[in-house]
C-alpha cells in the first residue's frame, strides 16, 4: 500500500514472481468481445511476465465464463458466439 500511495505500481511480494509488477488482464480478450472491454468482472490480476506470455487465446475457462455471463444477461448473443467461434 505504501508504494501505491506514492503512485507506484503494485508488486508481488511472495512466491516465484516476487518483485514483479502486478498487471490487469482481460479474462476474455477484448479482441474477441469488445463489449467486455470496460467491465471489471472481465479483469484479473497477474504478474507482468505471465501477462506478456499470454495471447488472445480462448480456452474452456473463457467459454464457461462467457456462457455464465450470457445466461446472466451481461454478455450478448453475439459476444457468446464470438467466444465460442474463437475457441475452434
Protein backbone atom coordinates (compact mmCIF):
# COMPACT_ATOMS: atom_id res chain seq x y z
CA UNK A 1 0.00 0.00 0.00
CA UNK A 2 2.91 2.35 0.66
CA UNK A 3 4.04 2.04 -2.97
CA UNK A 4 0.52 2.68 -4.21
CA UNK A 5 0.18 5.80 -2.08
CA UNK A 6 3.35 7.13 -3.68
CA UNK A 7 1.97 6.49 -7.16
CA UNK A 8 3.99 3.35 -7.88
CA UNK A 9 2.64 0.14 -9.37
CA UNK A 10 1.83 -2.72 -7.00
CA UNK A 11 4.32 -5.58 -6.88
CA UNK A 12 4.09 -9.21 -5.89
CA UNK A 13 5.74 -9.84 -2.53
CA UNK A 14 5.82 -13.65 -2.25
CA UNK A 15 6.31 -16.71 -4.40
CA UNK A 16 8.08 -17.28 -7.71
CA UNK A 17 7.02 -13.90 -9.09
CA UNK A 18 8.12 -11.84 -6.09
CA UNK A 19 9.23 -8.36 -7.11
CA UNK A 20 7.27 -8.32 -10.35
CA UNK A 21 4.73 -5.65 -11.18
CA UNK A 22 1.08 -6.69 -10.98
CA UNK A 23 -0.86 -6.09 -14.19
CA UNK A 24 -4.54 -6.26 -15.06
CA UNK A 25 -5.57 -8.54 -17.89
CA UNK A 26 -8.80 -9.35 -19.69
CA UNK A 27 -10.02 -12.89 -18.99
CA UNK A 28 -11.88 -12.97 -22.29
CA UNK A 29 -9.70 -10.96 -24.69
CA UNK A 30 -11.13 -7.64 -25.81
CA UNK A 31 -10.26 -8.56 -29.40
CA UNK A 32 -12.81 -11.40 -29.09
CA UNK A 33 -15.55 -9.50 -27.20
CA UNK A 34 -15.05 -5.73 -27.31
CA UNK A 35 -18.27 -5.28 -25.29
CA UNK A 36 -16.42 -6.63 -22.20
CA UNK A 37 -13.50 -4.21 -22.54
CA UNK A 38 -14.52 -1.88 -19.71
CA UNK A 39 -16.11 -4.39 -17.33
CA UNK A 40 -14.45 -5.15 -14.02
CA UNK A 41 -15.71 -8.74 -13.91
CA UNK A 42 -13.65 -9.49 -17.03
CA UNK A 43 -10.38 -8.45 -15.39
CA UNK A 44 -7.88 -10.41 -13.36
CA UNK A 45 -4.52 -9.52 -11.89
CA UNK A 46 -1.34 -11.37 -12.75
CA UNK A 47 2.44 -10.92 -12.82
CA UNK A 48 3.77 -8.91 -15.75
CA UNK A 49 5.74 -11.85 -17.22
CA UNK A 50 2.65 -14.09 -17.28
CA UNK A 51 0.61 -11.36 -18.91
CA UNK A 52 3.25 -10.85 -21.59
CA UNK A 53 3.36 -14.60 -22.36
CA UNK A 54 -0.41 -14.79 -22.68
CA UNK A 55 -2.05 -14.30 -26.02
CA UNK A 56 -5.63 -13.72 -27.07
CA UNK A 57 -6.44 -17.42 -26.78
CA UNK A 58 -9.85 -18.67 -25.75
CA UNK A 59 -9.98 -21.88 -23.75
CA UNK A 60 -12.50 -23.81 -21.71
CA UNK A 61 -12.35 -21.32 -18.83
CA UNK A 62 -13.26 -18.42 -21.10
CA UNK A 63 -16.06 -20.38 -22.77
CA UNK A 64 -17.58 -21.36 -19.42
CA UNK A 65 -17.43 -17.77 -18.17
CA UNK A 66 -18.94 -16.46 -21.41
CA UNK A 67 -21.83 -18.90 -21.13
CA UNK A 68 -22.43 -17.96 -17.49
CA UNK A 69 -22.31 -14.23 -18.28
CA UNK A 70 -24.64 -14.75 -21.24
CA UNK A 71 -27.11 -16.61 -19.04
CA UNK A 72 -26.97 -13.73 -16.54
CA UNK A 73 -27.68 -11.26 -19.35
CA UNK A 74 -24.35 -9.44 -19.20
CA UNK A 75 -22.97 -10.85 -22.47
CA UNK A 76 -24.87 -10.56 -25.73
CA UNK A 77 -25.73 -13.42 -28.07
CA UNK A 78 -23.17 -12.03 -30.50
CA UNK A 79 -20.50 -11.91 -27.79
CA UNK A 80 -21.12 -15.52 -26.82
CA UNK A 81 -20.95 -16.63 -30.46
CA UNK A 82 -17.68 -14.75 -30.85
CA UNK A 83 -16.13 -16.54 -27.85
CA UNK A 84 -17.35 -19.96 -28.98
CA UNK A 85 -16.17 -19.37 -32.57
CA UNK A 86 -12.74 -18.13 -31.44
CA UNK A 87 -12.12 -21.33 -29.47
CA UNK A 88 -12.33 -23.58 -32.53
